[in-house]
Amino acid sequence: MNAHTQTRLLPGPQGALEVAIDEPAQPRSGGGLALIAHPHPLFGGTLHNKVVQTLARAHVQQGWRVLRFNFRGVGASAGVHDHGVGETDDLLALLQLEAAHGPLALAGFSFGAYVVLRALERLPAQRLPQSVLLVGAAASRFELPVLPTELHECTALLHGETDDTVPLAAVLDWARPQGLPVTVVPGVEHFFHGRLGLLKALTLRHLRACEPAF
């Protein structure tokens, strides 16, 4: 992502996982790690995806240490695609390794949002994140888990109005029974082509709103 990005291989459930870590120039008070999950591996999703990189830049700018990673079977990560099941194990393993303590933020794009929601089902109450960001959540492709009620206030759902990969109606149908608001970006499709600057601005707005008051 930038000259200061560190790439590593970290141990995962099925072998090494390829990760990219970005350190903020000015860490936020209390530190913290933001982990960002990429879109579907079978359709070209990697940690280098432009939406994922945009989310990473916003978190870094807000002072978070950011970890992007390739799910099993992608890039230099060992293993094979597991339809979200093993990928959830990958995410949780990295959290245990890199963020067992301290503030936590989770973000996912498309398939990555599905994996984040699966992971949230398994996190203990004392380890829930300070911020959750779901972009283009793959509601028409997977049965998305219900978001824990205690995370509603710190979660943002961003979706493009003209998304033809995951229709907006599918996300609204998932969000409606939970009373979750969805931020709809007019005229934007799944990958936010030409509107990544707006995506970054919306992410920064969300992160600032989720900062605890001291």
C-alpha atoms as a PDB file:
ATOM      1  CA  MET A   1       0.000   0.000   0.000  1.00  0.00           C
ATOM      2  CA  ASN A   2       2.889   2.360   0.754  1.00  0.00           C
ATOM      3  CA  ALA A   3       6.623   2.336   1.300  1.00  0.00           C
ATOM      4  CA  HIS A   4       6.113   1.410   4.947  1.00  0.00           C
ATOM      5  CA  THR A   5       3.878  -1.628   4.355  1.00  0.00           C
ATOM      6  CA  GLN A   6       5.361  -4.763   5.913  1.00  0.00           C
ATOM      7  CA  THR A   7       4.549  -8.123   4.352  1.00  0.00           C
ATOM      8  CA  ARG A   8       4.844 -11.255   6.447  1.00  0.00           C
ATOM      9  CA  LEU A   9       3.825 -14.878   6.665  1.00  0.00           C
ATOM     10  CA  LEU A  10       2.037 -15.643   9.930  1.00  0.00           C
ATOM     11  CA  PRO A  11       0.878 -19.053  11.161  1.00  0.00           C
ATOM     12  CA  GLY A  12      -2.730 -19.954  10.385  1.00  0.00           C
ATOM     13  CA  PRO A  13      -4.967 -22.995  10.876  1.00  0.00           C
ATOM     14  CA  GLN A  14      -3.919 -24.548   7.539  1.00  0.00           C
ATOM     15  CA  GLY A  15      -0.379 -23.166   7.316  1.00  0.00           C
ATOM     16  CA  ALA A  16       1.115 -19.759   6.646  1.00  0.00           C
ATOM     17  CA  LEU A  17      -1.123 -16.752   5.978  1.00  0.00           C
ATOM     18  CA  GLU A  18       0.181 -13.842   3.920  1.00  0.00           C
ATOM     19  CA  VAL A  19      -0.396 -10.512   5.655  1.00  0.00           C
ATOM     20  CA  ALA A  20       0.346  -6.851   5.010  1.00  0.00           C
ATOM     21  CA  ILE A  21       0.722  -4.556   8.010  1.00  0.00           C
ATOM     22  CA  ASP A  22       0.625  -0.749   7.985  1.00  0.00           C
ATOM     23  CA  GLU A  23       1.655   1.321  10.975  1.00  0.00           C
ATOM     24  CA  PRO A  24       0.119   4.783  11.483  1.00  0.00           C
ATOM     25  CA  ALA A  25       2.363   7.833  11.593  1.00  0.00           C
ATOM     26  CA  GLN A  26       0.410   9.015  14.633  1.00  0.00           C
ATOM     27  CA  PRO A  27      -1.107   6.101  16.579  1.00  0.00           C
ATOM     28  CA  ARG A  28      -4.498   6.736  18.131  1.00  0.00           C
ATOM     29  CA  SER A  29      -4.762   7.017  21.894  1.00  0.00           C
ATOM     30  CA  GLY A  30      -4.745   3.509  23.306  1.00  0.00           C
ATOM     31  CA  GLY A  31      -3.361   1.956  20.141  1.00  0.00           C
ATOM     32  CA  GLY A  32      -5.391  -0.808  18.541  1.00  0.00           C
ATOM     33  CA  LEU A  33      -5.494  -3.090  15.504  1.00  0.00           C
ATOM     34  CA  ALA A  34      -7.836  -2.914  12.533  1.00  0.00           C
ATOM     35  CA  LEU A  35      -8.218  -6.125  10.539  1.00  0.00           C
ATOM     36  CA  ILE A  36      -9.659  -5.893   7.013  1.00  0.00           C
ATOM     37  CA  ALA A  37     -11.058  -8.865   5.086  1.00  0.00           C
ATOM     38  CA  HIS A  38     -10.999  -9.039   1.273  1.00  0.00           C
ATOM     39  CA  PRO A  39     -13.703 -10.068  -1.257  1.00  0.00           C
ATOM     40  CA  HIS A  40     -14.345 -13.517  -2.704  1.00  0.00           C
ATOM     41  CA  PRO A  41     -11.127 -15.426  -3.508  1.00  0.00           C
ATOM     42  CA  LEU A  42     -12.686 -17.319  -6.426  1.00  0.00           C
ATOM     43  CA  PHE A  43     -13.482 -14.038  -8.172  1.00  0.00           C
ATOM     44  CA  GLY A  44     -10.084 -12.393  -7.806  1.00  0.00           C
ATOM     45  CA  GLY A  45     -10.363 -11.092  -4.252  1.00  0.00           C
ATOM     46  CA  THR A  46      -7.045 -10.452  -2.501  1.00  0.00           C
ATOM     47  CA  LEU A  47      -5.558  -8.151   0.126  1.00  0.00           C
ATOM     48  CA  HIS A  48      -4.584  -5.846  -2.764  1.00  0.00           C
ATOM     49  CA  ASN A  49      -8.214  -5.126  -3.735  1.00  0.00           C
ATOM     50  CA  LYS A  50      -8.758  -1.359  -4.186  1.00  0.00           C
ATOM     51  CA  VAL A  51     -11.689  -1.188  -1.776  1.00  0.00           C
ATOM     52  CA  VAL A  52      -9.691  -3.081   0.851  1.00  0.00           C
ATOM     53  CA  GLN A  53      -6.726  -0.741   0.369  1.00  0.00           C
ATOM     54  CA  THR A  54      -9.011   2.292   0.657  1.00  0.00           C
ATOM     55  CA  LEU A  55     -10.429   1.000   3.942  1.00  0.00           C
ATOM     56  CA  ALA A  56      -6.881   0.377   5.142  1.00  0.00           C
ATOM     57  CA  ARG A  57      -5.762   3.916   4.298  1.00  0.00           C
ATOM     58  CA  ALA A  58      -8.676   5.404   6.205  1.00  0.00           C
ATOM     59  CA  HIS A  59      -7.973   3.316   9.301  1.00  0.00           C
ATOM     60  CA  VAL A  60      -4.264   4.175   9.171  1.00  0.00           C
ATOM     61  CA  GLN A  61      -5.091   7.876   8.832  1.00  0.00           C
ATOM     62  CA  GLN A  62      -7.258   7.588  11.933  1.00  0.00           C
ATOM     63  CA  GLY A  63      -4.336   6.087  13.863  1.00  0.00           C
ATOM     64  CA  TRP A  64      -5.093   2.375  13.686  1.00  0.00           C
ATOM     65  CA  ARG A  65      -2.449  -0.259  13.035  1.00  0.00           C
ATOM     66  CA  VAL A  66      -3.890  -2.129  10.053  1.00  0.00           C
ATOM     67  CA  LEU A  67      -3.592  -5.762   9.056  1.00  0.00           C
ATOM     68  CA  ARG A  68      -4.802  -6.973   5.657  1.00  0.00           C
ATOM     69  CA  PHE A  69      -4.417 -10.646   4.831  1.00  0.00           C
ATOM     70  CA  ASN A  70      -4.993 -13.203   2.110  1.00  0.00           C
ATOM     71  CA  PHE A  71      -7.453 -15.924   2.979  1.00  0.00           C
ATOM     72  CA  ARG A  72      -6.291 -19.537   2.671  1.00  0.00           C
ATOM     73  CA  GLY A  73      -5.375 -20.485  -0.884  1.00  0.00           C
ATOM     74  CA  VAL A  74      -4.848 -16.879  -2.018  1.00  0.00           C
ATOM     75  CA  GLY A  75      -1.423 -15.471  -2.898  1.00  0.00           C
ATOM     76  CA  ALA A  76       1.179 -16.940  -0.576  1.00  0.00           C
ATOM     77  CA  SER A  77      -1.417 -18.190   1.950  1.00  0.00           C
ATOM     78  CA  ALA A  78      -1.527 -21.965   2.380  1.00  0.00           C
ATOM     79  CA  GLY A  79      -4.654 -24.103   2.075  1.00  0.00           C
ATOM     80  CA  VAL A  80      -7.696 -24.087  -0.209  1.00  0.00           C
ATOM     81  CA  HIS A  81     -10.896 -22.054  -0.376  1.00  0.00           C
ATOM     82  CA  ASP A  82     -13.456 -23.167   2.229  1.00  0.00           C
ATOM     83  CA  HIS A  83     -16.595 -21.137   1.432  1.00  0.00           C
ATOM     84  CA  GLY A  84     -16.252 -18.886   4.476  1.00  0.00           C
ATOM     85  CA  VAL A  85     -15.886 -21.599   7.114  1.00  0.00           C
ATOM     86  CA  GLY A  86     -12.110 -21.969   7.133  1.00  0.00           C
ATOM     87  CA  GLU A  87     -11.731 -18.305   6.243  1.00  0.00           C
ATOM     88  CA  THR A  88     -13.442 -17.420   9.515  1.00  0.00           C
ATOM     89  CA  ASP A  89     -10.890 -19.592  11.293  1.00  0.00           C
ATOM     90  CA  ASP A  90      -8.129 -17.695   9.462  1.00  0.00           C
ATOM     91  CA  LEU A  91      -9.442 -14.337  10.651  1.00  0.00           C
ATOM     92  CA  LEU A  92      -9.876 -15.477  14.245  1.00  0.00           C
ATOM     93  CA  ALA A  93      -6.403 -17.027  14.304  1.00  0.00           C
ATOM     94  CA  LEU A  94      -4.853 -13.725  13.214  1.00  0.00           C
ATOM     95  CA  LEU A  95      -6.839 -11.835  15.837  1.00  0.00           C
ATOM     96  CA  GLN A  96      -5.580 -14.160  18.530  1.00  0.00           C
ATOM     97  CA  LEU A  97      -2.022 -13.790  17.274  1.00  0.00           C
ATOM     98  CA  GLU A  98      -1.904 -10.036  16.604  1.00  0.00           C
ATOM     99  CA  ALA A  99      -4.736  -8.551  18.659  1.00  0.00           C
ATOM    100  CA  ALA A 100      -5.393 -10.694  21.714  1.00  0.00           C
ATOM    101  CA  HIS A 101      -5.680  -7.488  23.755  1.00  0.00           C
ATOM    102  CA  GLY A 102      -6.352  -3.800  23.138  1.00  0.00           C
ATOM    103  CA  PRO A 103      -8.842  -1.922  20.942  1.00  0.00           C
ATOM    104  CA  LEU A 104     -10.061  -3.739  17.844  1.00  0.00           C
ATOM    105  CA  ALA A 105     -11.707  -2.691  14.586  1.00  0.00           C
ATOM    106  CA  LEU A 106     -13.043  -5.069  11.934  1.00  0.00           C
ATOM    107  CA  ALA A 107     -13.902  -4.269   8.334  1.00  0.00           C
ATOM    108  CA  GLY A 108     -14.884  -6.471   5.420  1.00  0.00           C
ATOM    109  CA  PHE A 109     -15.775  -6.008   1.779  1.00  0.00           C
ATOM    110  CA  SER A 110     -18.328  -8.299   0.087  1.00  0.00           C
ATOM    111  CA  PHE A 111     -17.332 -11.897   0.981  1.00  0.00           C
ATOM    112  CA  GLY A 112     -15.037 -10.343   3.593  1.00  0.00           C
ATOM    113  CA  ALA A 113     -18.069  -8.767   5.289  1.00  0.00           C
ATOM    114  CA  TYR A 114     -19.668 -12.219   5.501  1.00  0.00           C
ATOM    115  CA  VAL A 115     -16.536 -13.613   7.147  1.00  0.00           C
ATOM    116  CA  VAL A 116     -16.408 -10.694   9.605  1.00  0.00           C
ATOM    117  CA  LEU A 117     -20.019 -11.372  10.633  1.00  0.00           C
ATOM    118  CA  ARG A 118     -19.238 -15.069  11.114  1.00  0.00           C
ATOM    119  CA  ALA A 119     -16.251 -14.159  13.260  1.00  0.00           C
ATOM    120  CA  LEU A 120     -18.326 -11.815  15.412  1.00  0.00           C
ATOM    121  CA  GLU A 121     -20.563 -14.749  16.341  1.00  0.00           C
ATOM    122  CA  ARG A 122     -17.556 -16.437  17.928  1.00  0.00           C
ATOM    123  CA  LEU A 123     -15.851 -13.539  19.684  1.00  0.00           C
ATOM    124  CA  PRO A 124     -16.334 -13.379  23.456  1.00  0.00           C
ATOM    125  CA  ALA A 125     -18.239 -10.386  24.826  1.00  0.00           C
ATOM    126  CA  GLN A 126     -15.070  -8.888  26.307  1.00  0.00           C
ATOM    127  CA  ARG A 127     -13.356  -8.926  22.903  1.00  0.00           C
ATOM    128  CA  LEU A 128     -15.987  -7.273  20.728  1.00  0.00           C
ATOM    129  CA  PRO A 129     -14.622  -4.541  18.418  1.00  0.00           C
ATOM    130  CA  GLN A 130     -14.900  -0.817  18.860  1.00  0.00           C
ATOM    131  CA  SER A 131     -15.779  -0.425  15.180  1.00  0.00           C
ATOM    132  CA  VAL A 132     -17.347  -2.667  12.533  1.00  0.00           C
ATOM    133  CA  LEU A 133     -17.534  -1.635   8.880  1.00  0.00           C
ATOM    134  CA  LEU A 134     -19.344  -3.754   6.273  1.00  0.00           C
ATOM    135  CA  VAL A 135     -19.042  -2.643   2.641  1.00  0.00           C
ATOM    136  CA  GLY A 136     -21.025  -4.325  -0.121  1.00  0.00           C
ATOM    137  CA  ALA A 137     -22.016  -7.095   2.302  1.00  0.00           C
ATOM    138  CA  ALA A 138     -22.719 -10.244   0.279  1.00  0.00           C
ATOM    139  CA  ALA A 139     -26.313 -10.685   1.454  1.00  0.00           C
ATOM    140  CA  SER A 140     -27.496 -12.158  -1.860  1.00  0.00           C
ATOM    141  CA  ARG A 141     -24.654 -14.696  -1.983  1.00  0.00           C
ATOM    142  CA  PHE A 142     -24.579 -15.983   1.600  1.00  0.00           C
ATOM    143  CA  GLU A 143     -26.854 -16.238   4.610  1.00  0.00           C
ATOM    144  CA  LEU A 144     -25.394 -13.425   6.672  1.00  0.00           C
ATOM    145  CA  PRO A 145     -25.367 -13.964  10.440  1.00  0.00           C
ATOM    146  CA  VAL A 146     -27.335 -11.536  12.585  1.00  0.00           C
ATOM    147  CA  LEU A 147     -25.218  -8.709  13.963  1.00  0.00           C
ATOM    148  CA  PRO A 148     -24.921  -8.803  17.779  1.00  0.00           C
ATOM    149  CA  THR A 149     -27.219  -6.154  19.258  1.00  0.00           C
ATOM    150  CA  GLU A 150     -24.436  -4.633  21.339  1.00  0.00           C
ATOM    151  CA  LEU A 151     -22.549  -3.770  18.130  1.00  0.00           C
ATOM    152  CA  HIS A 152     -25.350  -1.899  16.383  1.00  0.00           C
ATOM    153  CA  GLU A 153     -24.191   1.560  17.456  1.00  0.00           C
ATOM    154  CA  CYS A 154     -20.593   1.013  16.315  1.00  0.00           C
ATOM    155  CA  THR A 155     -21.402  -0.632  12.954  1.00  0.00           C
ATOM    156  CA  ALA A 156     -21.662   1.024   9.543  1.00  0.00           C
ATOM    157  CA  LEU A 157     -23.180  -0.620   6.462  1.00  0.00           C
ATOM    158  CA  LEU A 158     -22.135   1.005   3.179  1.00  0.00           C
ATOM    159  CA  HIS A 159     -23.673  -0.069  -0.114  1.00  0.00           C
ATOM    160  CA  GLY A 160     -23.762   1.192  -3.675  1.00  0.00           C
ATOM    161  CA  GLU A 161     -27.159   2.090  -5.102  1.00  0.00           C
ATOM    162  CA  THR A 162     -26.439   0.400  -8.440  1.00  0.00           C
ATOM    163  CA  ASP A 163     -24.568  -2.645  -7.096  1.00  0.00           C
ATOM    164  CA  ASP A 164     -25.386  -5.478  -9.520  1.00  0.00           C
ATOM    165  CA  THR A 165     -23.146  -8.001  -7.737  1.00  0.00           C
ATOM    166  CA  VAL A 166     -25.044  -7.718  -4.449  1.00  0.00           C
ATOM    167  CA  PRO A 167     -28.353  -5.936  -5.044  1.00  0.00           C
ATOM    168  CA  LEU A 168     -29.154  -3.244  -2.512  1.00  0.00           C
ATOM    169  CA  ALA A 169     -32.531  -4.880  -1.832  1.00  0.00           C
ATOM    170  CA  ALA A 170     -30.794  -7.980  -0.438  1.00  0.00           C
ATOM    171  CA  VAL A 171     -28.844  -5.918   2.098  1.00  0.00           C
ATOM    172  CA  LEU A 172     -31.963  -3.999   3.106  1.00  0.00           C
ATOM    173  CA  ASP A 173     -33.841  -7.278   3.597  1.00  0.00           C
ATOM    174  CA  TRP A 174     -31.058  -8.455   5.935  1.00  0.00           C
ATOM    175  CA  ALA A 175     -30.778  -5.153   7.800  1.00  0.00           C
ATOM    176  CA  ARG A 176     -34.499  -4.379   8.154  1.00  0.00           C
ATOM    177  CA  PRO A 177     -35.455  -6.967  10.821  1.00  0.00           C
ATOM    178  CA  GLN A 178     -32.489  -5.834  12.901  1.00  0.00           C
ATOM    179  CA  GLY A 179     -33.308  -2.150  12.619  1.00  0.00           C
ATOM    180  CA  LEU A 180     -29.874  -1.482  11.107  1.00  0.00           C
ATOM    181  CA  PRO A 181     -29.441   1.662   8.999  1.00  0.00           C
ATOM    182  CA  VAL A 182     -27.744   1.318   5.610  1.00  0.00           C
ATOM    183  CA  THR A 183     -25.793   4.175   4.039  1.00  0.00           C
ATOM    184  CA  VAL A 184     -26.627   4.074   0.322  1.00  0.00           C
ATOM    185  CA  VAL A 185     -24.153   5.760  -2.016  1.00  0.00           C
ATOM    186  CA  PRO A 186     -26.070   7.022  -5.085  1.00  0.00           C
ATOM    187  CA  GLY A 187     -24.915   5.875  -8.512  1.00  0.00           C
ATOM    188  CA  VAL A 188     -22.178   3.607  -7.132  1.00  0.00           C
ATOM    189  CA  GLU A 189     -21.654  -0.045  -8.080  1.00  0.00           C
ATOM    190  CA  HIS A 190     -20.071  -2.881  -6.130  1.00  0.00           C
ATOM    191  CA  PHE A 191     -16.413  -1.867  -6.429  1.00  0.00           C
ATOM    192  CA  PHE A 192     -16.939   1.886  -5.905  1.00  0.00           C
ATOM    193  CA  HIS A 193     -15.218   2.670  -9.228  1.00  0.00           C
ATOM    194  CA  GLY A 194     -14.449   6.375  -9.383  1.00  0.00           C
ATOM    195  CA  ARG A 195     -15.749   6.918  -5.843  1.00  0.00           C
ATOM    196  CA  LEU A 196     -13.007   5.485  -3.650  1.00  0.00           C
ATOM    197  CA  GLY A 197     -12.325   8.950  -2.259  1.00  0.00           C
ATOM    198  CA  LEU A 198     -15.912   9.113  -1.034  1.00  0.00           C
ATOM    199  CA  LEU A 199     -15.599   5.620   0.449  1.00  0.00           C
ATOM    200  CA  LYS A 200     -12.545   6.760   2.388  1.00  0.00           C
ATOM    201  CA  ALA A 201     -14.339   9.867   3.641  1.00  0.00           C
ATOM    202  CA  LEU A 202     -17.340   7.830   4.812  1.00  0.00           C
ATOM    203  CA  THR A 203     -15.010   5.392   6.567  1.00  0.00           C
ATOM    204  CA  LEU A 204     -13.193   8.200   8.355  1.00  0.00           C
ATOM    205  CA  ARG A 205     -16.521   9.705   9.449  1.00  0.00           C
ATOM    206  CA  HIS A 206     -17.568   6.362  10.914  1.00  0.00           C
ATOM    207  CA  LEU A 207     -14.248   5.793  12.700  1.00  0.00           C
ATOM    208  CA  ARG A 208     -14.310   9.245  14.261  1.00  0.00           C
ATOM    209  CA  ALA A 209     -17.868   8.692  15.477  1.00  0.00           C
ATOM    210  CA  CYS A 210     -16.802   5.428  17.127  1.00  0.00           C
ATOM    211  CA  GLU A 211     -13.920   6.915  19.088  1.00  0.00           C
ATOM    212  CA  PRO A 212     -14.645   6.738  22.824  1.00  0.00           C
ATOM    213  CA  ALA A 213     -15.165   9.988  24.677  1.00  0.00           C
ATOM    214  CA  PHE A 214     -12.620  10.727  27.403  1.00  0.00           C
END
